Amino acid sequence: MSLPLVDQPKAEKLVTLTDVSWEQFKGIETQLKDNRKVRLSYLSGMLEIMSPIGEEHELVKSTLGLLLDAYMREKGIRFYKRGGYTLEEPGYASGTPDESYSIGLRKEVPDIVIEIVVTSGSINRKNLYKPKQIPEVWFWKSNQIKIFSLTEGGEYEEVNRSRFFPDLDPAMLLRYVAMSDQYDAVQEFIQAVRK
């Protein structure tokens, strides 16, 4: 019998460096480019190095992604899964979300980025995506989902539901993310969405 995701140990390590220039960051990034277990985030002189990405992180990321994919397919919502590719504002910010989606059309900048937070750092991760004007930033942390929507004023504010999925209750997603069997979670979620 497998344990629920929320009870698994946290194995991630986080190092934060300050007063790092963009050039220094790019040099470190180049040196670590082949190490997929290390994740770098940079914001205005602050560099976070996270390693390794733990099992809880990967399970939550993949389960949440499978659930969202299933939801959009069931609802006939056209989407393009973008994965975790680096979004960068040269000289200022660089961040790699765990998952990202373009809704409706394939776009250069995704509509939704998702972050799975097991170990919190010093960087306000919403600010990583503000230069690219990402419409929504989702965070899963401690078995909670928080959704932040970009306002017309260019700031993120927490909202109860996604503007892209107004009928999807985040609490419903959480119930299925927390299930110990990923396959069963997706199948049961699809049945719940169909009701």
C-alpha atoms as a PDB file:
ATOM      1  CA  MET A   1       0.000   0.000   0.000  1.00  0.00           C
ATOM      2  CA  SER A   2       1.443   3.378  -0.966  1.00  0.00           C
ATOM      3  CA  LEU A   3       1.354   6.425   1.275  1.00  0.00           C
ATOM      4  CA  PRO A   4      -0.689   9.509   0.416  1.00  0.00           C
ATOM      5  CA  LEU A   5       1.407  12.148  -1.292  1.00  0.00           C
ATOM      6  CA  VAL A   6       1.094  14.585   1.599  1.00  0.00           C
ATOM      7  CA  ASP A   7       2.837  12.185   4.001  1.00  0.00           C
ATOM      8  CA  GLN A   8       5.969  11.567   1.953  1.00  0.00           C
ATOM      9  CA  PRO A   9       9.307  12.914   3.169  1.00  0.00           C
ATOM     10  CA  LYS A  10      10.699  16.119   1.735  1.00  0.00           C
ATOM     11  CA  ALA A  11      14.152  15.635   0.226  1.00  0.00           C
ATOM     12  CA  GLU A  12      14.755  18.925  -1.564  1.00  0.00           C
ATOM     13  CA  LYS A  13      17.656  21.187  -0.589  1.00  0.00           C
ATOM     14  CA  LEU A  14      17.665  24.913  -1.295  1.00  0.00           C
ATOM     15  CA  VAL A  15      20.539  27.378  -1.410  1.00  0.00           C
ATOM     16  CA  THR A  16      19.952  31.111  -1.875  1.00  0.00           C
ATOM     17  CA  LEU A  17      22.679  33.489  -3.024  1.00  0.00           C
ATOM     18  CA  THR A  18      22.344  37.265  -3.115  1.00  0.00           C
ATOM     19  CA  ASP A  19      24.121  39.958  -5.130  1.00  0.00           C
ATOM     20  CA  VAL A  20      24.553  37.632  -8.101  1.00  0.00           C
ATOM     21  CA  SER A  21      24.894  39.421 -11.417  1.00  0.00           C
ATOM     22  CA  TRP A  22      23.005  38.258 -14.488  1.00  0.00           C
ATOM     23  CA  GLU A  23      26.343  37.278 -16.065  1.00  0.00           C
ATOM     24  CA  GLN A  24      27.304  35.203 -13.007  1.00  0.00           C
ATOM     25  CA  PHE A  25      23.889  33.522 -13.058  1.00  0.00           C
ATOM     26  CA  LYS A  26      24.238  32.655 -16.757  1.00  0.00           C
ATOM     27  CA  GLY A  27      27.718  31.213 -16.069  1.00  0.00           C
ATOM     28  CA  ILE A  28      26.379  28.998 -13.280  1.00  0.00           C
ATOM     29  CA  GLU A  29      23.440  27.991 -15.471  1.00  0.00           C
ATOM     30  CA  THR A  30      25.844  26.968 -18.268  1.00  0.00           C
ATOM     31  CA  GLN A  31      27.921  24.869 -15.868  1.00  0.00           C
ATOM     32  CA  LEU A  32      24.811  23.055 -14.594  1.00  0.00           C
ATOM     33  CA  LYS A  33      22.973  22.719 -17.935  1.00  0.00           C
ATOM     34  CA  ASP A  34      23.336  18.922 -18.062  1.00  0.00           C
ATOM     35  CA  ASN A  35      22.240  18.384 -14.464  1.00  0.00           C
ATOM     36  CA  ARG A  36      18.467  17.863 -14.634  1.00  0.00           C
ATOM     37  CA  LYS A  37      18.220  17.384 -10.863  1.00  0.00           C
ATOM     38  CA  VAL A  38      19.150  21.013 -10.195  1.00  0.00           C
ATOM     39  CA  ARG A  39      16.682  23.846 -10.680  1.00  0.00           C
ATOM     40  CA  LEU A  40      17.778  27.473 -10.857  1.00  0.00           C
ATOM     41  CA  SER A  41      15.657  30.578 -10.328  1.00  0.00           C
ATOM     42  CA  TYR A  42      16.939  34.130 -10.633  1.00  0.00           C
ATOM     43  CA  LEU A  43      15.245  37.400  -9.714  1.00  0.00           C
ATOM     44  CA  SER A  44      16.972  40.768  -9.584  1.00  0.00           C
ATOM     45  CA  GLY A  45      20.291  39.602  -8.118  1.00  0.00           C
ATOM     46  CA  MET A  46      18.960  36.693  -6.054  1.00  0.00           C
ATOM     47  CA  LEU A  47      19.759  33.135  -7.169  1.00  0.00           C
ATOM     48  CA  GLU A  48      18.076  30.027  -5.808  1.00  0.00           C
ATOM     49  CA  ILE A  49      19.562  26.610  -6.427  1.00  0.00           C
ATOM     50  CA  MET A  50      17.293  23.689  -5.597  1.00  0.00           C
ATOM     51  CA  SER A  51      18.473  20.087  -5.595  1.00  0.00           C
ATOM     52  CA  PRO A  52      17.420  17.366  -5.836  1.00  0.00           C
ATOM     53  CA  ILE A  53      13.823  17.516  -6.967  1.00  0.00           C
ATOM     54  CA  GLY A  54      12.171  14.967  -4.687  1.00  0.00           C
ATOM     55  CA  GLU A  55       9.632  12.213  -5.231  1.00  0.00           C
ATOM     56  CA  GLU A  56       6.752  14.169  -3.666  1.00  0.00           C
ATOM     57  CA  HIS A  57       7.382  17.064  -6.044  1.00  0.00           C
ATOM     58  CA  GLU A  58       7.359  14.835  -9.120  1.00  0.00           C
ATOM     59  CA  LEU A  59       4.279  12.848  -8.064  1.00  0.00           C
ATOM     60  CA  VAL A  60       2.221  15.952  -7.318  1.00  0.00           C
ATOM     61  CA  LYS A  61       3.379  17.611 -10.552  1.00  0.00           C
ATOM     62  CA  SER A  62       2.502  14.638 -12.734  1.00  0.00           C
ATOM     63  CA  THR A  63      -0.813  13.902 -10.999  1.00  0.00           C
ATOM     64  CA  LEU A  64      -1.984  17.523 -11.160  1.00  0.00           C
ATOM     65  CA  GLY A  65      -0.975  17.691 -14.829  1.00  0.00           C
ATOM     66  CA  LEU A  66      -2.860  14.482 -15.652  1.00  0.00           C
ATOM     67  CA  LEU A  67      -5.961  15.780 -13.858  1.00  0.00           C
ATOM     68  CA  LEU A  68      -5.910  19.120 -15.685  1.00  0.00           C
ATOM     69  CA  ASP A  69      -5.333  17.388 -19.027  1.00  0.00           C
ATOM     70  CA  ALA A  70      -8.300  15.090 -18.346  1.00  0.00           C
ATOM     71  CA  TYR A  71     -10.495  18.020 -17.307  1.00  0.00           C
ATOM     72  CA  MET A  72      -9.760  20.006 -20.451  1.00  0.00           C
ATOM     73  CA  ARG A  73     -10.346  16.988 -22.688  1.00  0.00           C
ATOM     74  CA  GLU A  74     -13.646  16.180 -20.960  1.00  0.00           C
ATOM     75  CA  LYS A  75     -14.818  19.805 -21.281  1.00  0.00           C
ATOM     76  CA  GLY A  76     -13.638  20.163 -24.875  1.00  0.00           C
ATOM     77  CA  ILE A  77     -11.187  22.922 -23.978  1.00  0.00           C
ATOM     78  CA  ARG A  78      -8.450  23.226 -26.576  1.00  0.00           C
ATOM     79  CA  PHE A  79      -5.037  23.378 -24.868  1.00  0.00           C
ATOM     80  CA  TYR A  80      -1.348  23.107 -25.531  1.00  0.00           C
ATOM     81  CA  LYS A  81       0.767  21.600 -22.784  1.00  0.00           C
ATOM     82  CA  ARG A  82       4.004  23.556 -22.668  1.00  0.00           C
ATOM     83  CA  GLY A  83       5.870  21.680 -19.946  1.00  0.00           C
ATOM     84  CA  GLY A  84       8.505  23.193 -17.725  1.00  0.00           C
ATOM     85  CA  TYR A  85      10.554  25.405 -19.977  1.00  0.00           C
ATOM     86  CA  THR A  86      12.467  28.457 -18.806  1.00  0.00           C
ATOM     87  CA  LEU A  87      10.750  31.840 -19.029  1.00  0.00           C
ATOM     88  CA  GLU A  88      13.266  34.631 -19.000  1.00  0.00           C
ATOM     89  CA  GLU A  89      13.437  38.398 -18.873  1.00  0.00           C
ATOM     90  CA  PRO A  90      17.145  38.951 -19.672  1.00  0.00           C
ATOM     91  CA  GLY A  91      19.043  40.771 -16.966  1.00  0.00           C
ATOM     92  CA  TYR A  92      16.202  40.490 -14.449  1.00  0.00           C
ATOM     93  CA  ALA A  93      14.358  37.167 -14.084  1.00  0.00           C
ATOM     94  CA  SER A  94      14.606  33.522 -15.047  1.00  0.00           C
ATOM     95  CA  GLY A  95      12.278  30.814 -13.815  1.00  0.00           C
ATOM     96  CA  THR A  96      11.158  27.371 -14.862  1.00  0.00           C
ATOM     97  CA  PRO A  97       7.622  26.399 -13.879  1.00  0.00           C
ATOM     98  CA  ASP A  98       6.818  22.769 -13.249  1.00  0.00           C
ATOM     99  CA  GLU A  99       4.112  22.841 -15.894  1.00  0.00           C
ATOM    100  CA  SER A 100       2.551  25.370 -18.224  1.00  0.00           C
ATOM    101  CA  TYR A 101      -0.396  25.556 -20.597  1.00  0.00           C
ATOM    102  CA  SER A 102      -1.609  27.709 -23.448  1.00  0.00           C
ATOM    103  CA  ILE A 103      -5.405  27.706 -23.635  1.00  0.00           C
ATOM    104  CA  GLY A 104      -7.246  27.951 -26.954  1.00  0.00           C
ATOM    105  CA  LEU A 105      -4.225  28.658 -29.141  1.00  0.00           C
ATOM    106  CA  ARG A 106      -0.548  27.819 -29.011  1.00  0.00           C
ATOM    107  CA  LYS A 107       1.144  30.998 -27.809  1.00  0.00           C
ATOM    108  CA  GLU A 108       4.702  32.137 -27.215  1.00  0.00           C
ATOM    109  CA  VAL A 109       3.887  32.873 -23.572  1.00  0.00           C
ATOM    110  CA  PRO A 110       1.687  30.371 -21.706  1.00  0.00           C
ATOM    111  CA  ASP A 111      -1.616  31.330 -20.072  1.00  0.00           C
ATOM    112  CA  ILE A 112      -1.038  29.252 -16.945  1.00  0.00           C
ATOM    113  CA  VAL A 113       2.146  28.279 -15.125  1.00  0.00           C
ATOM    114  CA  ILE A 114       2.090  25.805 -12.251  1.00  0.00           C
ATOM    115  CA  GLU A 115       4.591  25.589  -9.414  1.00  0.00           C
ATOM    116  CA  ILE A 116       4.803  22.666  -6.996  1.00  0.00           C
ATOM    117  CA  VAL A 117       6.330  24.047  -3.788  1.00  0.00           C
ATOM    118  CA  VAL A 118       7.805  21.510  -1.390  1.00  0.00           C
ATOM    119  CA  THR A 119      10.670  23.669  -0.112  1.00  0.00           C
ATOM    120  CA  SER A 120      10.017  27.413   0.015  1.00  0.00           C
ATOM    121  CA  GLY A 121      12.735  29.821  -0.967  1.00  0.00           C
ATOM    122  CA  SER A 122      13.333  33.539  -0.720  1.00  0.00           C
ATOM    123  CA  ILE A 123      12.246  34.459  -4.242  1.00  0.00           C
ATOM    124  CA  ASN A 124       8.628  35.526  -4.665  1.00  0.00           C
ATOM    125  CA  ARG A 125       7.899  33.156  -7.527  1.00  0.00           C
ATOM    126  CA  LYS A 126       4.984  35.245  -8.826  1.00  0.00           C
ATOM    127  CA  ASN A 127       7.518  37.970  -9.618  1.00  0.00           C
ATOM    128  CA  LEU A 128       9.441  35.565 -11.857  1.00  0.00           C
ATOM    129  CA  TYR A 129       6.487  35.491 -14.252  1.00  0.00           C
ATOM    130  CA  LYS A 130       5.303  39.088 -13.985  1.00  0.00           C
ATOM    131  CA  PRO A 131       7.685  40.406 -16.712  1.00  0.00           C
ATOM    132  CA  LYS A 132       6.150  37.948 -19.198  1.00  0.00           C
ATOM    133  CA  GLN A 133       2.614  38.928 -18.112  1.00  0.00           C
ATOM    134  CA  ILE A 134       1.558  35.305 -17.492  1.00  0.00           C
ATOM    135  CA  PRO A 135      -2.219  35.531 -16.915  1.00  0.00           C
ATOM    136  CA  GLU A 136      -2.312  32.911 -14.121  1.00  0.00           C
ATOM    137  CA  VAL A 137       0.196  31.426 -11.717  1.00  0.00           C
ATOM    138  CA  TRP A 138      -0.878  28.342  -9.738  1.00  0.00           C
ATOM    139  CA  PHE A 139       0.881  27.057  -6.633  1.00  0.00           C
ATOM    140  CA  TRP A 140       0.455  23.680  -4.958  1.00  0.00           C
ATOM    141  CA  LYS A 141       1.894  23.744  -1.444  1.00  0.00           C
ATOM    142  CA  SER A 142       1.102  21.643   1.625  1.00  0.00           C
ATOM    143  CA  ASN A 143      -1.949  20.112  -0.075  1.00  0.00           C
ATOM    144  CA  GLN A 144      -3.408  23.487  -1.030  1.00  0.00           C
ATOM    145  CA  ILE A 145      -3.815  25.084  -4.440  1.00  0.00           C
ATOM    146  CA  LYS A 146      -3.596  28.850  -4.703  1.00  0.00           C
ATOM    147  CA  ILE A 147      -4.368  30.610  -7.964  1.00  0.00           C
ATOM    148  CA  PHE A 148      -3.107  34.104  -8.727  1.00  0.00           C
ATOM    149  CA  SER A 149      -4.559  36.078 -11.617  1.00  0.00           C
ATOM    150  CA  LEU A 150      -2.803  39.007 -13.272  1.00  0.00           C
ATOM    151  CA  THR A 151      -4.837  42.195 -12.909  1.00  0.00           C
ATOM    152  CA  GLU A 152      -5.091  45.011 -15.448  1.00  0.00           C
ATOM    153  CA  GLY A 153      -2.672  46.910 -13.211  1.00  0.00           C
ATOM    154  CA  GLY A 154      -0.042  44.218 -13.745  1.00  0.00           C
ATOM    155  CA  GLU A 155      -0.163  42.731 -10.232  1.00  0.00           C
ATOM    156  CA  TYR A 156      -1.171  39.231  -9.161  1.00  0.00           C
ATOM    157  CA  GLU A 157      -4.147  38.780  -6.879  1.00  0.00           C
ATOM    158  CA  GLU A 158      -5.350  35.541  -5.366  1.00  0.00           C
ATOM    159  CA  VAL A 159      -8.625  34.247  -6.809  1.00  0.00           C
ATOM    160  CA  ASN A 160     -10.918  31.362  -5.892  1.00  0.00           C
ATOM    161  CA  ARG A 161     -11.105  29.902  -9.401  1.00  0.00           C
ATOM    162  CA  SER A 162      -9.230  30.027 -12.648  1.00  0.00           C
ATOM    163  CA  ARG A 163     -10.546  32.430 -15.289  1.00  0.00           C
ATOM    164  CA  PHE A 164      -9.851  29.644 -17.800  1.00  0.00           C
ATOM    165  CA  PHE A 165     -11.762  26.977 -15.818  1.00  0.00           C
ATOM    166  CA  PRO A 166     -14.476  28.841 -13.866  1.00  0.00           C
ATOM    167  CA  ASP A 167     -16.402  25.601 -13.231  1.00  0.00           C
ATOM    168  CA  LEU A 168     -13.422  23.723 -11.765  1.00  0.00           C
ATOM    169  CA  ASP A 169     -13.262  23.828  -7.977  1.00  0.00           C
ATOM    170  CA  PRO A 170      -9.604  23.684  -6.814  1.00  0.00           C
ATOM    171  CA  ALA A 171     -10.725  21.725  -3.720  1.00  0.00           C
ATOM    172  CA  MET A 172     -11.966  18.988  -6.049  1.00  0.00           C
ATOM    173  CA  LEU A 173      -8.559  18.842  -7.725  1.00  0.00           C
ATOM    174  CA  LEU A 174      -6.874  18.564  -4.334  1.00  0.00           C
ATOM    175  CA  ARG A 175      -8.934  15.526  -3.361  1.00  0.00           C
ATOM    176  CA  TYR A 176      -7.645  13.639  -6.380  1.00  0.00           C
ATOM    177  CA  VAL A 177      -4.061  14.913  -6.187  1.00  0.00           C
ATOM    178  CA  ALA A 178      -3.904  13.520  -2.629  1.00  0.00           C
ATOM    179  CA  MET A 179      -5.044  10.014  -3.628  1.00  0.00           C
ATOM    180  CA  SER A 180      -2.333   7.384  -3.262  1.00  0.00           C
ATOM    181  CA  ASP A 181      -3.000   5.733  -6.645  1.00  0.00           C
ATOM    182  CA  GLN A 182      -2.494   8.088  -9.588  1.00  0.00           C
ATOM    183  CA  TYR A 183      -4.342   5.921 -12.110  1.00  0.00           C
ATOM    184  CA  ASP A 184      -7.403   5.572  -9.875  1.00  0.00           C
ATOM    185  CA  ALA A 185      -7.292   9.290  -9.083  1.00  0.00           C
ATOM    186  CA  VAL A 186      -7.524  10.248 -12.753  1.00  0.00           C
ATOM    187  CA  GLN A 187     -10.255   7.721 -13.515  1.00  0.00           C
ATOM    188  CA  GLU A 188     -12.381   8.771 -10.538  1.00  0.00           C
ATOM    189  CA  PHE A 189     -11.815  12.460 -11.349  1.00  0.00           C
ATOM    190  CA  ILE A 190     -13.048  11.950 -14.915  1.00  0.00           C
ATOM    191  CA  GLN A 191     -16.211  10.299 -13.583  1.00  0.00           C
ATOM    192  CA  ALA A 192     -16.765  13.192 -11.171  1.00  0.00           C
ATOM    193  CA  VAL A 193     -16.297  15.753 -13.990  1.00  0.00           C
ATOM    194  CA  ARG A 194     -18.846  13.919 -16.154  1.00  0.00           C
ATOM    195  CA  LYS A 195     -21.484  14.205 -13.400  1.00  0.00           C
END
